[in-house]
Amino acid sequence: MMLLVVGSVALDSIRTPLGAVENALGGSATYASLAASVYTTPRLVAVVGRDFPPRHRRLLARKGVDLAGFVQAPGRTFRWQGRYGYDLNIAETLGVQLNVFQHFAPELPPGWSDTPYAFLGNIDPELQLRVRRQLTRPRLVACDSMNFWIAGKRRALMNVLKVVDLLFLNDAEARQLTGESHLGRVAQALIRCGPSLVVIKKGEHGALLASRGRYFTLPGFVVDDVRDPTGAGDSFAGGMLGYLAWQRRLTWDTVKQAMIRGSAVATLTIEAFGTDRLAAVRRPVVERRVAAYRRLTNW
């Protein structure tokens, strides 16, 4: 089944102690779409400027991403500049130019309102609500958010949580939103806000999946050569949701298996700068990483 992905497509300039890239393909919707394409056909809704390199569009198309909702508008593409130190968990933003993304008003192309699975990427909650209202009878809608929206658009974000099924947040964001400290209490507080499933991301330490009264914890995978952590969270979400769309089942066990696939894709993403590794990933590679996960946690 198809997966709708709504969010940003950007040109990223990234520096880490291991190297640097300029104007690399990035953005939350880019990472999520490429990750999801391992298992299903993503339908991408995003806006870029006239300066968006044609090779990036060709890459998305080659990976099977449906670009009917991909708009090229007059102006310049959203750009982000960031830097990491030796602690790759911490990104320092050096510059942001929203450009055409500042006026992003997502509209679903004809025939897309019945897309069964949807990921509302890390964008303004008002825009997430706008997209959610365009969906007719989705089987599962997931969303991501961040500290900026939690602090600045809390009311709109709480309205989003009432109409989604799965929420992705990192541990700091989840604590900020709920005011709780223990992750079990944090997860249950989020579920009471609306979503039936919550994934709390803990970076290199793994992730926690929760539903009402149930938990599944996934440890971090040991990656020997981390090059660039940019996009790991969106790759995680895209891989997980792509697997769910492919399986067409929403049982607890299937969601757990999907979470493992999402984590596997994310650990592959960080092995190269930008989307370079993700662009080359195929399903057998992901499944080998899943098998390595099993060996890592077998006892």
Protein backbone atom coordinates (compact mmCIF):
# COMPACT_ATOMS: atom_id res chain seq x y z
CA MET A 1 0.00 0.00 0.00
CA MET A 2 1.03 3.60 -0.59
CA LEU A 3 2.54 5.88 2.06
CA LEU A 4 1.95 9.63 1.93
CA VAL A 5 4.96 11.66 3.10
CA VAL A 6 4.61 15.39 3.78
CA GLY A 7 7.48 17.58 4.89
CA SER A 8 10.60 19.40 3.82
CA VAL A 9 12.99 18.77 0.96
CA ALA A 10 16.15 20.78 1.48
CA LEU A 11 19.72 21.38 0.46
CA ASP A 12 21.97 20.70 3.45
CA SER A 13 25.53 21.81 4.12
CA ILE A 14 26.97 19.65 6.89
CA ARG A 15 30.28 19.55 8.73
CA THR A 16 31.45 16.81 11.07
CA PRO A 17 34.93 15.86 12.31
CA LEU A 18 34.93 13.27 9.52
CA GLY A 19 34.26 15.56 6.58
CA ALA A 20 31.82 17.97 5.00
CA VAL A 21 29.27 18.29 2.20
CA GLU A 22 27.71 21.33 0.54
CA ASN A 23 24.15 21.59 -0.77
CA ALA A 24 23.50 17.87 -0.32
CA LEU A 25 19.99 16.48 -0.74
CA GLY A 26 18.25 16.63 2.64
CA GLY A 27 15.02 17.45 4.45
CA SER A 28 12.69 15.39 6.62
CA ALA A 29 10.46 14.24 3.75
CA THR A 30 13.48 13.27 1.66
CA TYR A 31 14.92 10.94 4.28
CA ALA A 32 11.51 9.48 5.15
CA SER A 33 10.62 8.87 1.49
CA LEU A 34 13.92 7.23 0.59
CA ALA A 35 13.73 5.01 3.67
CA ALA A 36 10.11 4.04 3.00
CA SER A 37 10.94 3.21 -0.62
CA VAL A 38 12.77 0.10 0.61
CA TYR A 39 9.35 -1.47 1.26
CA THR A 40 6.62 0.55 -0.46
CA THR A 41 5.83 3.44 -2.84
CA PRO A 42 6.04 6.81 -1.08
CA ARG A 43 3.86 9.68 -2.29
CA LEU A 44 5.85 12.84 -1.63
CA VAL A 45 4.24 16.22 -0.97
CA ALA A 46 6.87 18.96 -0.77
CA VAL A 47 8.04 22.21 -2.34
CA VAL A 48 11.45 23.21 -3.71
CA GLY A 49 12.77 26.19 -5.65
CA ARG A 50 13.83 26.60 -9.24
CA ASP A 51 17.43 26.02 -8.14
CA PHE A 52 16.75 22.45 -7.03
CA PRO A 53 19.29 20.24 -8.83
CA PRO A 54 17.68 17.95 -11.43
CA ARG A 55 19.91 15.07 -10.30
CA HIS A 56 18.19 15.07 -6.91
CA ARG A 57 14.77 14.83 -8.50
CA ARG A 58 16.02 11.99 -10.70
CA LEU A 59 17.28 10.16 -7.62
CA LEU A 60 13.88 10.36 -5.92
CA ALA A 61 12.15 9.12 -9.07
CA ARG A 62 14.66 6.31 -9.50
CA LYS A 63 13.92 5.14 -5.96
CA GLY A 64 10.24 4.82 -6.85
CA VAL A 65 8.99 7.96 -5.09
CA ASP A 66 5.75 9.27 -6.63
CA LEU A 67 6.42 12.95 -7.36
CA ALA A 68 2.93 14.08 -8.39
CA GLY A 69 2.81 16.21 -5.21
CA PHE A 70 6.36 17.54 -5.59
CA VAL A 71 6.12 21.24 -6.50
CA GLN A 72 8.92 23.36 -7.96
CA ALA A 73 8.06 26.98 -7.18
CA PRO A 74 9.67 30.30 -8.15
CA GLY A 75 12.42 31.12 -5.68
CA ARG A 76 15.16 29.25 -3.87
CA THR A 77 15.06 25.88 -2.12
CA PHE A 78 15.02 25.54 1.68
CA ARG A 79 18.59 25.39 2.96
CA TRP A 80 20.12 24.25 6.25
CA GLN A 81 23.70 24.55 7.45
CA GLY A 82 24.81 22.51 10.45
CA ARG A 83 27.86 21.28 12.31
CA TYR A 84 28.56 18.34 14.60
CA GLY A 85 31.43 17.90 17.05
CA TYR A 86 32.74 14.56 18.23
CA ASP A 87 29.47 14.06 20.10
CA LEU A 88 27.38 13.34 17.03
CA ASN A 89 24.18 13.45 19.08
CA ILE A 90 24.37 17.25 19.15
CA ALA A 91 23.83 19.32 16.01
CA GLU A 92 24.67 23.01 15.94
CA THR A 93 22.59 24.94 13.43
CA LEU A 94 24.75 27.49 11.64
CA GLY A 95 22.10 28.82 9.30
CA VAL A 96 18.56 28.31 8.01
CA GLN A 97 17.02 29.85 4.90
CA LEU A 98 13.38 28.77 4.56
CA ASN A 99 12.98 30.35 1.11
CA VAL A 100 10.02 28.74 -0.75
CA PHE A 101 9.33 26.44 2.21
CA GLN A 102 8.19 29.49 4.17
CA HIS A 103 5.04 29.55 2.04
CA PHE A 104 4.48 25.78 1.93
CA ALA A 105 0.73 25.05 1.79
CA PRO A 106 0.43 21.31 1.15
CA GLU A 107 -2.35 20.17 -1.15
CA LEU A 108 -2.85 16.52 -2.04
CA PRO A 109 -2.99 15.75 -5.78
CA PRO A 110 -6.20 14.21 -7.18
CA GLY A 111 -6.59 10.63 -6.05
CA TRP A 112 -4.26 10.92 -3.08
CA SER A 113 -6.84 11.67 -0.38
CA ASP A 114 -7.51 7.95 0.05
CA THR A 115 -3.85 7.05 0.67
CA PRO A 116 -4.04 4.45 3.47
CA TYR A 117 -0.84 5.36 5.33
CA ALA A 118 0.54 8.83 6.00
CA PHE A 119 3.53 10.44 7.65
CA LEU A 120 3.20 14.09 8.63
CA GLY A 121 6.82 15.13 8.94
CA ASN A 122 8.26 17.72 11.28
CA ILE A 123 6.44 20.82 10.03
CA ASP A 124 4.11 23.44 11.51
CA PRO A 125 1.25 21.63 13.32
CA GLU A 126 -1.22 23.85 11.46
CA LEU A 127 0.07 22.35 8.21
CA GLN A 128 -0.12 18.85 9.66
CA LEU A 129 -3.78 19.48 10.47
CA ARG A 130 -4.32 20.86 6.97
CA VAL A 131 -3.07 17.61 5.46
CA ARG A 132 -4.92 15.40 7.93
CA ARG A 133 -8.22 17.05 6.97
CA GLN A 134 -7.58 16.14 3.32
CA LEU A 135 -7.29 12.42 4.10
CA THR A 136 -10.55 10.53 3.89
CA ARG A 137 -10.25 7.15 5.62
CA PRO A 138 -6.59 6.41 6.35
CA ARG A 139 -5.60 3.21 8.11
CA LEU A 140 -2.74 4.87 9.98
CA VAL A 141 -1.52 8.45 10.26
CA ALA A 142 1.80 9.17 11.96
CA CYS A 143 3.41 12.47 12.83
CA ASP A 144 6.69 13.86 14.08
CA SER A 145 7.36 17.11 15.89
CA MET A 146 10.10 19.01 17.73
CA ASN A 147 10.83 21.35 20.64
CA PHE A 148 10.20 24.47 18.52
CA TRP A 149 6.57 23.49 17.85
CA ILE A 150 6.05 22.18 21.39
CA ALA A 151 7.03 25.58 22.78
CA GLY A 152 5.53 27.82 20.11
CA LYS A 153 2.44 25.99 18.81
CA ARG A 154 1.45 23.71 21.64
CA ARG A 155 -2.32 24.10 21.18
CA ALA A 156 -2.17 23.26 17.48
CA LEU A 157 0.12 20.31 18.20
CA MET A 158 -2.29 18.96 20.81
CA ASN A 159 -5.04 19.14 18.18
CA VAL A 160 -2.83 17.12 15.83
CA LEU A 161 -2.37 14.43 18.47
CA LYS A 162 -6.14 13.97 18.65
CA VAL A 163 -6.29 12.90 14.98
CA VAL A 164 -3.17 10.78 14.50
CA ASP A 165 -2.49 7.15 15.38
CA LEU A 166 1.28 7.15 15.88
CA LEU A 167 3.55 9.83 17.33
CA PHE A 168 7.33 10.04 16.96
CA LEU A 169 9.29 12.21 19.42
CA ASN A 170 12.74 12.03 20.92
CA ASP A 171 13.04 11.59 24.67
CA ALA A 172 13.74 15.26 25.44
CA GLU A 173 10.79 16.42 23.32
CA ALA A 174 8.48 13.86 24.89
CA ARG A 175 9.42 15.01 28.39
CA GLN A 176 9.01 18.65 27.37
CA LEU A 177 5.51 18.03 26.01
CA THR A 178 4.23 15.99 28.96
CA GLY A 179 6.11 17.44 31.92
CA GLU A 180 6.85 13.88 33.05
CA SER A 181 10.32 12.43 33.59
CA HIS A 182 10.08 8.61 33.59
CA LEU A 183 9.64 7.38 30.01
CA GLY A 184 6.86 4.95 30.92
CA ARG A 185 4.79 7.78 32.38
CA VAL A 186 5.79 10.01 29.48
CA ALA A 187 4.55 7.47 26.93
CA GLN A 188 1.22 6.88 28.67
CA ALA A 189 0.65 10.64 29.01
CA LEU A 190 1.17 11.01 25.26
CA ILE A 191 -1.23 8.16 24.52
CA ARG A 192 -3.90 9.88 26.60
CA CYS A 193 -3.54 12.85 24.22
CA GLY A 194 -4.82 10.78 21.29
CA PRO A 195 -2.37 8.50 19.45
CA SER A 196 -2.71 4.79 20.16
CA LEU A 197 1.01 4.24 19.51
CA VAL A 198 4.01 6.28 20.59
CA VAL A 199 7.66 5.86 19.61
CA ILE A 200 10.17 7.66 21.82
CA LYS A 201 13.53 7.91 20.08
CA LYS A 202 16.68 7.79 22.21
CA GLY A 203 19.34 8.34 19.57
CA GLU A 204 22.26 5.93 19.77
CA HIS A 205 20.54 4.23 22.72
CA GLY A 206 17.60 2.90 20.71
CA ALA A 207 13.88 3.58 21.02
CA LEU A 208 10.80 2.78 23.08
CA LEU A 209 7.47 1.71 21.55
CA ALA A 210 4.37 2.08 23.69
CA SER A 211 0.64 1.51 23.44
CA ARG A 212 -1.84 1.60 26.29
CA GLY A 213 -0.20 -0.52 28.99
CA ARG A 214 2.29 -2.23 26.62
CA TYR A 215 5.92 -1.58 25.82
CA PHE A 216 8.66 -2.77 23.51
CA THR A 217 12.19 -1.49 23.85
CA LEU A 218 14.79 -1.66 21.10
CA PRO A 219 18.46 -1.13 21.96
CA GLY A 220 20.79 0.94 19.88
CA PHE A 221 22.76 -0.83 17.17
CA VAL A 222 26.53 -0.52 17.35
CA VAL A 223 27.66 1.22 14.16
CA ASP A 224 31.43 1.11 13.74
CA ASP A 225 31.76 4.06 11.37
CA VAL A 226 29.26 6.88 11.91
CA ARG A 227 29.77 9.65 9.35
CA ASP A 228 26.71 11.89 9.61
CA PRO A 229 23.66 11.46 11.88
CA THR A 230 21.52 13.94 9.90
CA GLY A 231 18.19 12.41 8.91
CA ALA A 232 18.44 9.37 11.17
CA GLY A 233 15.12 10.06 12.90
CA ASP A 234 13.26 10.61 9.64
CA SER A 235 14.86 7.50 8.13
CA PHE A 236 13.69 5.58 11.20
CA ALA A 237 10.11 6.80 10.75
CA GLY A 238 10.12 6.23 6.99
CA GLY A 239 11.52 2.72 7.27
CA MET A 240 9.05 1.79 9.98
CA LEU A 241 6.01 3.17 8.15
CA GLY A 242 7.13 1.79 4.80
CA TYR A 243 7.30 -1.68 6.33
CA LEU A 244 3.83 -1.29 7.88
CA ALA A 245 2.39 -0.18 4.53
CA TRP A 246 4.01 -3.20 2.87
CA GLN A 247 2.72 -5.65 5.49
CA ARG A 248 -0.83 -4.21 5.50
CA ARG A 249 -1.31 -5.40 9.09
CA LEU A 250 -1.39 -3.32 12.25
CA THR A 251 -0.92 -5.95 14.93
CA TRP A 252 1.38 -5.32 17.87
CA ASP A 253 3.89 -7.85 16.55
CA THR A 254 3.91 -6.24 13.10
CA VAL A 255 4.49 -2.81 14.60
CA LYS A 256 7.45 -4.21 16.56
CA GLN A 257 8.90 -5.75 13.41
CA ALA A 258 8.37 -2.44 11.61
CA MET A 259 10.22 -0.59 14.36
CA ILE A 260 13.21 -2.91 13.95
CA ARG A 261 13.24 -2.20 10.18
CA GLY A 262 13.07 1.52 10.83
CA SER A 263 16.03 1.33 13.16
CA ALA A 264 17.96 -0.83 10.69
CA VAL A 265 17.46 1.73 7.91
CA ALA A 266 18.49 4.58 10.23
CA THR A 267 21.72 2.83 11.20
CA LEU A 268 22.56 2.47 7.52
CA THR A 269 21.78 6.14 6.81
CA ILE A 270 24.37 7.41 9.27
CA GLU A 271 27.20 5.48 7.61
CA ALA A 272 27.61 8.21 4.96
CA PHE A 273 26.96 11.92 4.51
CA GLY A 274 23.47 13.11 3.65
CA THR A 275 21.43 10.61 1.67
CA ASP A 276 24.41 8.92 -0.01
CA ARG A 277 24.10 5.62 1.85
CA LEU A 278 20.31 5.67 1.96
CA ALA A 279 20.10 6.20 -1.80
CA ALA A 280 21.94 2.92 -2.37
CA VAL A 281 20.12 0.79 0.21
CA ARG A 282 18.03 -2.15 -0.98
CA ARG A 283 15.76 -4.45 0.99
CA PRO A 284 18.26 -7.36 1.30
CA VAL A 285 20.78 -4.98 2.89
CA VAL A 286 18.19 -3.85 5.44
CA GLU A 287 17.20 -7.43 6.23
CA ARG A 288 20.86 -8.32 6.82
CA ARG A 289 21.05 -5.47 9.30
CA VAL A 290 17.88 -6.82 10.97
CA ALA A 291 19.57 -10.22 11.27
CA ALA A 292 22.58 -8.52 12.84
CA TYR A 293 20.21 -6.85 15.31
CA ARG A 294 18.88 -10.26 16.29
CA ARG A 295 22.39 -11.57 16.90
CA LEU A 296 23.22 -8.48 18.94
CA THR A 297 20.25 -8.96 21.27
CA ASN A 298 20.21 -12.78 21.46
CA TRP A 299 20.84 -14.16 24.93
